[in-house]
Amino acid sequence: MLIPVRLIPGAISDLFAQVTISGKITLADRYGLMAAVLEDSMTEDERSAIDRLLRALCRGRIQVVNEISSIA
């Protein structure tokens, strides 16, 4: 039995802001992005935010960390 993945409304914008400020993408952030990509009901703004995060990651502006969360 598959469990449906559902995002909290506004999760992508919050994730985008948090990753942009910290400069780090955590394990929880990556799972959030995976859930967003698997969900079929993303808005164009959410897709754009994910694209911007991926570009920043490719350009080295964001560091991938193996921490669960960047909030201490």
N, C-alpha and C. Protein backbone atom coordinates (compact mmCIF):
# COMPACT_ATOMS: atom_id res chain seq x y z
N MET A 1 0.83 -1.18 0.00
CA MET A 1 0.00 0.00 0.00
C MET A 1 0.88 1.24 0.00
N LEU A 2 0.65 2.12 -0.96
CA LEU A 2 1.41 3.35 -1.05
C LEU A 2 0.73 4.45 -0.23
N ILE A 3 1.55 5.19 0.48
CA ILE A 3 1.05 6.31 1.26
C ILE A 3 1.18 7.57 0.41
N PRO A 4 0.09 8.32 0.22
CA PRO A 4 0.18 9.53 -0.60
C PRO A 4 1.04 10.60 0.08
N VAL A 5 1.82 11.28 -0.72
CA VAL A 5 2.68 12.35 -0.22
C VAL A 5 1.95 13.67 -0.41
N ARG A 6 1.80 14.42 0.65
CA ARG A 6 1.12 15.71 0.59
C ARG A 6 2.00 16.78 1.23
N LEU A 7 2.11 17.90 0.56
CA LEU A 7 2.87 19.02 1.09
C LEU A 7 1.97 19.96 1.87
N ILE A 8 2.53 20.59 2.85
CA ILE A 8 1.81 21.64 3.57
C ILE A 8 1.74 22.85 2.64
N PRO A 9 0.59 23.50 2.55
CA PRO A 9 0.49 24.69 1.69
C PRO A 9 1.54 25.74 2.08
N GLY A 10 2.25 26.26 1.10
CA GLY A 10 3.29 27.25 1.36
C GLY A 10 4.64 26.66 1.72
N ALA A 11 4.75 25.33 1.70
CA ALA A 11 5.99 24.68 2.12
C ALA A 11 7.15 25.01 1.18
N ILE A 12 6.90 25.09 -0.10
CA ILE A 12 7.97 25.36 -1.06
C ILE A 12 8.52 26.77 -0.87
N SER A 13 7.66 27.74 -0.67
CA SER A 13 8.15 29.11 -0.47
C SER A 13 8.93 29.22 0.83
N ASP A 14 8.48 28.54 1.88
CA ASP A 14 9.23 28.54 3.15
C ASP A 14 10.57 27.84 2.99
N LEU A 15 10.58 26.71 2.28
CA LEU A 15 11.81 25.99 2.04
C LEU A 15 12.78 26.84 1.22
N PHE A 16 12.27 27.50 0.20
CA PHE A 16 13.10 28.35 -0.64
C PHE A 16 13.75 29.47 0.20
N ALA A 17 12.95 30.12 1.03
CA ALA A 17 13.48 31.21 1.86
C ALA A 17 14.52 30.70 2.84
N GLN A 18 14.25 29.58 3.49
CA GLN A 18 15.17 29.04 4.50
C GLN A 18 16.49 28.61 3.87
N VAL A 19 16.44 27.95 2.72
CA VAL A 19 17.66 27.50 2.04
C VAL A 19 18.45 28.70 1.52
N THR A 20 17.76 29.69 1.00
CA THR A 20 18.43 30.88 0.48
C THR A 20 19.16 31.63 1.61
N ILE A 21 18.52 31.74 2.76
CA ILE A 21 19.14 32.45 3.89
C ILE A 21 20.32 31.67 4.46
N SER A 22 20.14 30.36 4.66
CA SER A 22 21.19 29.56 5.29
C SER A 22 22.31 29.18 4.33
N GLY A 23 22.00 29.09 3.04
CA GLY A 23 22.99 28.64 2.06
C GLY A 23 23.24 27.15 2.13
N LYS A 24 22.38 26.43 2.86
CA LYS A 24 22.52 24.98 3.01
C LYS A 24 21.20 24.30 2.71
N ILE A 25 21.31 23.13 2.09
CA ILE A 25 20.12 22.32 1.86
C ILE A 25 20.29 21.03 2.66
N THR A 26 19.39 20.80 3.60
CA THR A 26 19.50 19.68 4.52
C THR A 26 18.78 18.45 3.98
N LEU A 27 18.88 17.38 4.72
CA LEU A 27 18.20 16.14 4.37
C LEU A 27 16.69 16.35 4.34
N ALA A 28 16.16 17.04 5.33
CA ALA A 28 14.71 17.32 5.37
C ALA A 28 14.29 18.18 4.17
N ASP A 29 15.13 19.14 3.80
CA ASP A 29 14.84 19.98 2.64
C ASP A 29 14.79 19.14 1.37
N ARG A 30 15.71 18.22 1.24
CA ARG A 30 15.75 17.37 0.05
C ARG A 30 14.53 16.47 -0.03
N TYR A 31 14.08 15.94 1.11
CA TYR A 31 12.86 15.14 1.11
C TYR A 31 11.65 16.01 0.77
N GLY A 32 11.65 17.25 1.23
CA GLY A 32 10.57 18.17 0.88
C GLY A 32 10.53 18.44 -0.61
N LEU A 33 11.70 18.61 -1.20
CA LEU A 33 11.76 18.83 -2.65
C LEU A 33 11.30 17.60 -3.42
N MET A 34 11.69 16.43 -2.92
CA MET A 34 11.26 15.20 -3.57
C MET A 34 9.74 15.07 -3.51
N ALA A 35 9.15 15.36 -2.37
CA ALA A 35 7.70 15.30 -2.24
C ALA A 35 7.03 16.30 -3.18
N ALA A 36 7.61 17.47 -3.32
CA ALA A 36 7.04 18.49 -4.20
C ALA A 36 7.08 18.05 -5.64
N VAL A 37 8.17 17.46 -6.05
CA VAL A 37 8.30 17.02 -7.45
C VAL A 37 7.33 15.87 -7.73
N LEU A 38 7.10 15.01 -6.74
CA LEU A 38 6.20 13.88 -6.95
C LEU A 38 4.73 14.29 -6.92
N GLU A 39 4.44 15.44 -6.35
CA GLU A 39 3.06 15.91 -6.30
C GLU A 39 2.70 16.57 -7.63
N ASP A 40 1.54 16.27 -8.15
CA ASP A 40 1.14 16.76 -9.45
C ASP A 40 0.53 18.16 -9.43
N SER A 41 0.26 18.70 -8.28
CA SER A 41 -0.50 19.95 -8.21
C SER A 41 0.36 21.17 -7.88
N MET A 42 1.62 21.18 -8.30
CA MET A 42 2.47 22.34 -8.04
C MET A 42 2.07 23.51 -8.92
N THR A 43 2.18 24.70 -8.35
CA THR A 43 1.91 25.90 -9.13
C THR A 43 3.15 26.27 -9.93
N GLU A 44 2.98 27.19 -10.86
CA GLU A 44 4.11 27.66 -11.67
C GLU A 44 5.15 28.36 -10.80
N ASP A 45 4.70 29.09 -9.78
CA ASP A 45 5.62 29.76 -8.85
C ASP A 45 6.45 28.75 -8.06
N GLU A 46 5.83 27.65 -7.64
CA GLU A 46 6.56 26.62 -6.91
C GLU A 46 7.59 25.95 -7.81
N ARG A 47 7.21 25.68 -9.05
CA ARG A 47 8.17 25.10 -10.01
C ARG A 47 9.35 26.04 -10.24
N SER A 48 9.06 27.31 -10.35
CA SER A 48 10.11 28.30 -10.55
C SER A 48 11.05 28.36 -9.35
N ALA A 49 10.50 28.29 -8.15
CA ALA A 49 11.33 28.31 -6.94
C ALA A 49 12.25 27.09 -6.89
N ILE A 50 11.72 25.92 -7.25
CA ILE A 50 12.54 24.71 -7.27
C ILE A 50 13.63 24.82 -8.33
N ASP A 51 13.29 25.35 -9.49
CA ASP A 51 14.29 25.55 -10.55
C ASP A 51 15.40 26.49 -10.07
N ARG A 52 15.03 27.55 -9.38
CA ARG A 52 16.03 28.50 -8.86
C ARG A 52 16.95 27.84 -7.83
N LEU A 53 16.37 26.99 -6.97
CA LEU A 53 17.19 26.27 -6.00
C LEU A 53 18.16 25.32 -6.69
N LEU A 54 17.68 24.62 -7.71
CA LEU A 54 18.56 23.68 -8.43
C LEU A 54 19.67 24.41 -9.17
N ARG A 55 19.37 25.57 -9.76
CA ARG A 55 20.42 26.36 -10.42
C ARG A 55 21.45 26.84 -9.42
N ALA A 56 20.99 27.30 -8.27
CA ALA A 56 21.92 27.76 -7.23
C ALA A 56 22.79 26.61 -6.74
N LEU A 57 22.22 25.43 -6.63
CA LEU A 57 22.97 24.26 -6.22
C LEU A 57 24.04 23.91 -7.25
N CYS A 58 23.67 23.93 -8.52
CA CYS A 58 24.63 23.63 -9.59
C CYS A 58 25.75 24.65 -9.67
N ARG A 59 25.46 25.88 -9.32
CA ARG A 59 26.48 26.94 -9.36
C ARG A 59 27.31 27.02 -8.09
N GLY A 60 27.00 26.18 -7.12
CA GLY A 60 27.79 26.14 -5.89
C GLY A 60 27.40 27.18 -4.86
N ARG A 61 26.26 27.82 -5.02
CA ARG A 61 25.82 28.82 -4.06
C ARG A 61 25.15 28.20 -2.84
N ILE A 62 24.73 26.95 -2.98
CA ILE A 62 24.08 26.22 -1.90
C ILE A 62 24.92 24.99 -1.61
N GLN A 63 25.13 24.73 -0.33
CA GLN A 63 25.92 23.58 0.12
C GLN A 63 24.97 22.47 0.56
N VAL A 64 25.22 21.25 0.11
CA VAL A 64 24.43 20.09 0.53
C VAL A 64 25.04 19.56 1.82
N VAL A 65 24.23 19.49 2.87
CA VAL A 65 24.70 18.98 4.16
C VAL A 65 23.89 17.76 4.55
N ASN A 66 24.47 16.90 5.36
CA ASN A 66 23.79 15.69 5.80
C ASN A 66 23.11 15.86 7.15
N GLU A 67 22.89 17.10 7.56
CA GLU A 67 22.14 17.38 8.78
C GLU A 67 20.66 17.18 8.50
N ILE A 68 19.90 16.85 9.52
CA ILE A 68 18.46 16.70 9.34
C ILE A 68 17.81 18.05 9.18
N SER A 69 18.26 19.04 9.96
CA SER A 69 17.68 20.37 9.89
C SER A 69 18.77 21.40 10.15
N SER A 70 18.61 22.58 9.58
CA SER A 70 19.60 23.64 9.82
C SER A 70 19.20 24.51 11.01
N ILE A 71 18.03 24.26 11.58
CA ILE A 71 17.58 25.02 12.76
C ILE A 71 18.16 24.36 13.99
N ALA A 72 18.90 25.13 14.74
CA ALA A 72 19.55 24.56 15.94
C ALA A 72 18.78 24.86 17.19
